[in-house]
Amino acid sequence: MRVEIWSDVVCPWCYVGKRRFEQALASFPHRDEVEVVWRSFELDPSAPAERTEGQAAHLAAKYGRSLEQAQEMLDSMTATAAQDGLDFRFDLMRGGSTFDAHRLLHLAAERGVQGTLKERLMRATFTEGEPTSDHETLVRLAGDAGLDTEEARDVLSTDRYADEVRADVRDAQRFGITGVPFFVVDRTYGVSGAQPAEVLRQVLDKAWEDSRPVQLVTTGGSGPGCEGDACTV
């Protein structure tokens, strides 16, 4: 069973959703047969390499709120994240373009460490205040996740995996995904937002049940029935 998750590394609800999905998956009896794929989604494709204003100022300008209201939004998000074991430090966070981070995540998928890099990038963004658009920072974080740093540096110096990132974005548009996180199970079931772990577990159960053929065990011989246009009487 494959679970594809569209998310961005600067999306706070995506990090919360990641934790809740991990809780759901940990309780799923068939978790060893689930493939998790992280898909690219840019919340702001026009974002600069790095934003210089603080997060409260950025939110205030984006949503037309006062600085006090924006700070209240951040405080509420921080409290929500803490309930899922996450330490959000919006006072340290440095937002910006995430396109190159997504390119490295495609490299990581090929090398079998995509989930590890995804976690490392999100922790760097929300807890450590790392600028995850800066190439040298990305190379170091890629090394932390088990990637070869020279290969990561080579990817960032070229346009490798740019087409793959854009393909993920096109798929999101085709599926009607306008916000993240968004979970797609076997390209059949979609779950929008950082739903509670119990809801995500229910979707996993349903998808697993529907993907398995009915196993019939016949006992006691054959009873009367019909085949084609002939029936036993």
Protein backbone atom coordinates (compact mmCIF):
# COMPACT_ATOMS: atom_id res chain seq x y z
CA MET A 1 0.00 0.00 0.00
CA ARG A 2 1.36 3.42 -0.93
CA VAL A 3 0.72 6.66 0.93
CA GLU A 4 1.73 9.83 -0.88
CA ILE A 5 1.89 12.99 1.20
CA TRP A 6 1.96 16.42 -0.42
CA SER A 7 3.56 18.93 1.97
CA ASP A 8 6.02 21.79 2.26
CA VAL A 9 8.97 22.03 4.65
CA VAL A 10 7.89 25.51 5.83
CA CYS A 11 4.28 24.47 6.53
CA PRO A 12 3.66 24.13 10.29
CA TRP A 13 0.52 22.04 9.83
CA CYS A 14 2.53 19.70 7.60
CA TYR A 15 4.91 18.97 10.48
CA VAL A 16 1.99 18.40 12.83
CA GLY A 17 0.33 16.21 10.20
CA LYS A 18 3.54 14.22 9.82
CA ARG A 19 3.57 13.42 13.52
CA ARG A 20 -0.09 12.44 13.53
CA PHE A 21 0.38 10.21 10.51
CA GLU A 22 3.35 8.56 12.22
CA GLN A 23 1.15 7.85 15.23
CA ALA A 24 -1.51 6.32 12.99
CA LEU A 25 1.04 4.24 11.12
CA ALA A 26 2.68 2.99 14.32
CA SER A 27 -0.64 1.45 15.41
CA PHE A 28 -1.43 0.00 11.96
CA PRO A 29 -0.82 -3.78 11.97
CA HIS A 30 0.33 -3.80 8.34
CA ARG A 31 2.72 -0.85 8.67
CA ASP A 32 5.65 -2.84 7.28
CA GLU A 33 3.79 -3.12 3.98
CA VAL A 34 3.15 0.62 3.65
CA GLU A 35 5.35 2.73 1.37
CA VAL A 36 5.40 6.41 2.29
CA VAL A 37 6.32 8.90 -0.44
CA TRP A 38 6.73 12.62 0.23
CA ARG A 39 5.51 14.78 -2.66
CA SER A 40 6.53 18.36 -3.38
CA PHE A 41 4.25 21.33 -2.74
CA GLU A 42 5.32 24.97 -2.58
CA LEU A 43 3.09 27.13 -0.42
CA ASP A 44 4.61 30.22 -2.01
CA PRO A 45 6.36 29.55 -5.33
CA SER A 46 7.26 33.25 -5.54
CA ALA A 47 8.97 33.36 -2.15
CA PRO A 48 12.41 35.00 -2.02
CA ALA A 49 15.47 32.95 -1.18
CA GLU A 50 15.07 34.06 2.43
CA ARG A 51 12.62 36.36 4.16
CA THR A 52 14.16 39.01 6.33
CA GLU A 53 11.08 39.93 8.35
CA GLY A 54 9.98 37.93 11.37
CA GLN A 55 7.15 35.42 11.17
CA ALA A 56 4.67 37.66 13.00
CA ALA A 57 5.32 40.52 10.57
CA HIS A 58 5.03 38.17 7.61
CA LEU A 59 1.68 36.79 8.81
CA ALA A 60 0.36 40.24 9.62
CA ALA A 61 1.12 41.45 6.10
CA LYS A 62 -0.17 38.31 4.44
CA TYR A 63 -3.52 38.13 6.23
CA GLY A 64 -4.08 41.80 7.00
CA ARG A 65 -3.79 41.34 10.76
CA SER A 66 -2.13 43.39 13.45
CA LEU A 67 1.21 42.23 14.82
CA GLU A 68 -0.52 41.27 18.06
CA GLN A 69 -3.09 39.14 16.22
CA ALA A 70 -0.37 37.52 14.14
CA GLN A 71 1.61 36.68 17.26
CA GLU A 72 -1.48 35.13 18.81
CA MET A 73 -1.79 32.90 15.72
CA LEU A 74 1.81 31.79 16.13
CA ASP A 75 1.36 31.16 19.85
CA SER A 76 -1.71 29.04 19.15
CA MET A 77 0.17 27.02 16.52
CA THR A 78 3.07 26.53 18.94
CA ALA A 79 0.73 25.19 21.61
CA THR A 80 -0.93 22.83 19.13
CA ALA A 81 2.43 21.52 17.95
CA ALA A 82 3.55 20.93 21.53
CA GLN A 83 0.61 18.56 22.03
CA ASP A 84 2.15 16.39 19.32
CA GLY A 85 5.63 16.57 20.82
CA LEU A 86 7.01 19.31 18.57
CA ASP A 87 8.98 22.34 19.73
CA PHE A 88 8.14 25.21 17.41
CA ARG A 89 10.37 28.30 17.58
CA PHE A 90 8.78 30.87 15.30
CA ASP A 91 11.08 33.47 16.83
CA LEU A 92 13.98 31.68 15.11
CA MET A 93 12.27 30.57 11.90
CA ARG A 94 13.62 31.93 8.62
CA GLY A 95 11.22 31.32 5.75
CA GLY A 96 11.93 31.42 2.05
CA SER A 97 11.91 29.40 -1.15
CA THR A 98 11.65 25.63 -0.70
CA PHE A 99 12.15 24.52 -4.31
CA ASP A 100 15.72 23.32 -3.78
CA ALA A 101 14.78 21.50 -0.58
CA HIS A 102 12.17 19.60 -2.57
CA ARG A 103 14.77 18.72 -5.20
CA LEU A 104 16.96 17.19 -2.51
CA LEU A 105 13.98 15.22 -1.22
CA HIS A 106 13.71 13.59 -4.64
CA LEU A 107 17.38 12.65 -4.46
CA ALA A 108 16.77 11.28 -0.97
CA ALA A 109 13.89 9.17 -2.29
CA GLU A 110 16.24 7.52 -4.78
CA ARG A 111 18.77 6.86 -2.02
CA GLY A 112 16.23 5.45 0.43
CA VAL A 113 16.42 8.22 3.04
CA GLN A 114 13.57 10.51 2.01
CA GLY A 115 11.70 10.21 5.31
CA THR A 116 14.88 10.94 7.26
CA LEU A 117 15.64 14.05 5.23
CA LYS A 118 12.05 15.26 5.45
CA GLU A 119 12.22 15.11 9.24
CA ARG A 120 15.63 16.77 9.31
CA LEU A 121 14.47 19.66 7.12
CA MET A 122 11.34 20.27 9.16
CA ARG A 123 13.16 20.18 12.47
CA ALA A 124 15.75 22.55 11.06
CA THR A 125 13.01 24.93 9.94
CA PHE A 126 10.70 24.96 12.93
CA THR A 127 12.96 24.20 15.90
CA GLU A 128 16.46 25.26 14.94
CA GLY A 129 15.80 28.30 12.75
CA GLU A 130 17.95 27.07 9.87
CA PRO A 131 17.59 28.81 6.48
CA THR A 132 16.52 25.81 4.41
CA SER A 133 16.88 27.71 1.16
CA ASP A 134 20.61 28.26 1.70
CA HIS A 135 22.62 25.73 -0.30
CA GLU A 136 25.39 25.14 2.22
CA THR A 137 22.80 24.62 4.94
CA LEU A 138 20.92 22.19 2.73
CA VAL A 139 24.11 20.25 2.00
CA ARG A 140 24.86 19.94 5.70
CA LEU A 141 21.33 18.83 6.52
CA ALA A 142 21.44 16.33 3.65
CA GLY A 143 24.61 14.88 5.18
CA ASP A 144 22.86 14.63 8.56
CA ALA A 145 20.17 12.55 6.85
CA GLY A 146 22.67 10.15 5.33
CA LEU A 147 23.10 11.59 1.83
CA ASP A 148 26.49 12.04 0.24
CA THR A 149 27.22 15.74 0.66
CA GLU A 150 29.09 16.04 -2.62
CA GLU A 151 26.17 14.52 -4.49
CA ALA A 152 23.78 16.88 -2.70
CA ARG A 153 26.00 19.83 -3.61
CA ASP A 154 26.09 18.67 -7.23
CA VAL A 155 22.28 18.49 -7.34
CA LEU A 156 21.99 22.02 -6.00
CA SER A 157 24.47 23.35 -8.55
CA THR A 158 22.35 22.03 -11.42
CA ASP A 159 18.64 21.72 -12.20
CA ARG A 160 18.45 18.00 -11.36
CA TYR A 161 15.03 16.92 -10.05
CA ALA A 162 13.44 20.23 -11.01
CA ASP A 163 11.14 18.39 -13.41
CA GLU A 164 10.20 15.91 -10.69
CA VAL A 165 9.24 18.72 -8.33
CA ARG A 166 7.10 20.33 -11.02
CA ALA A 167 5.49 16.97 -11.79
CA ASP A 168 4.44 16.67 -8.13
CA VAL A 169 2.93 20.13 -8.32
CA ARG A 170 1.01 19.23 -11.48
CA ASP A 171 -0.32 16.08 -9.83
CA ALA A 172 -1.49 18.18 -6.89
CA GLN A 173 -3.34 20.47 -9.28
CA ARG A 174 -4.85 17.48 -11.08
CA PHE A 175 -6.13 16.08 -7.78
CA GLY A 176 -7.51 19.47 -6.76
CA ILE A 177 -5.05 19.85 -3.88
CA THR A 178 -4.92 23.49 -2.83
CA GLY A 179 -3.66 23.12 0.73
CA VAL A 180 -1.31 20.86 2.61
CA PRO A 181 -0.74 18.42 4.16
CA PHE A 182 -2.72 16.20 1.84
CA PHE A 183 -2.59 12.41 2.10
CA VAL A 184 -3.39 10.13 -0.85
CA VAL A 185 -3.66 6.40 -0.26
CA ASP A 186 -3.26 4.13 -3.27
CA ARG A 187 -4.44 7.00 -5.48
CA THR A 188 -7.94 6.19 -4.22
CA TYR A 189 -8.47 7.88 -0.84
CA GLY A 190 -7.60 11.47 -0.06
CA VAL A 191 -7.33 13.13 3.34
CA SER A 192 -6.97 16.89 3.57
CA GLY A 193 -5.22 18.59 6.46
CA ALA A 194 -3.53 17.49 9.67
CA GLN A 195 -6.35 15.19 10.72
CA PRO A 196 -6.18 13.42 14.11
CA ALA A 197 -4.24 10.16 14.18
CA GLU A 198 -7.48 8.22 14.71
CA VAL A 199 -8.91 9.53 11.43
CA LEU A 200 -5.75 8.70 9.52
CA ARG A 201 -5.74 5.21 11.01
CA GLN A 202 -9.32 4.67 9.86
CA VAL A 203 -8.32 5.60 6.32
CA LEU A 204 -5.40 3.17 6.43
CA ASP A 205 -7.72 0.40 7.63
CA LYS A 206 -10.28 1.11 4.92
CA ALA A 207 -7.70 1.28 2.15
CA TRP A 208 -6.11 -1.97 3.29
CA GLU A 209 -9.44 -3.73 3.45
CA ASP A 210 -10.47 -2.54 0.00
CA SER A 211 -7.15 -3.47 -1.58
CA ARG A 212 -7.32 -7.10 -0.51
CA PRO A 213 -9.48 -9.66 -2.38
CA VAL A 214 -11.99 -11.66 -0.40
CA GLN A 215 -10.51 -14.98 0.69
CA LEU A 216 -13.14 -17.72 0.45
CA VAL A 217 -12.90 -20.98 2.35
CA THR A 218 -15.34 -23.64 1.13
CA THR A 219 -16.44 -26.26 3.64
CA GLY A 220 -19.04 -29.02 3.67
CA GLY A 221 -19.10 -29.66 -0.07
CA SER A 222 -21.26 -27.75 -2.54
CA GLY A 223 -24.83 -26.61 -1.99
CA PRO A 224 -27.48 -25.86 -4.61
CA GLY A 225 -26.92 -22.85 -6.80
CA CYS A 226 -26.96 -21.47 -10.34
CA GLU A 227 -24.34 -21.27 -13.04
CA GLY A 228 -25.12 -19.33 -16.18
CA ASP A 229 -28.76 -20.09 -17.10
CA ALA A 230 -28.87 -23.45 -15.33
CA CYS A 231 -29.97 -23.93 -11.74
CA THR A 232 -30.13 -27.04 -9.61
CA VAL A 233 -33.61 -27.91 -8.42
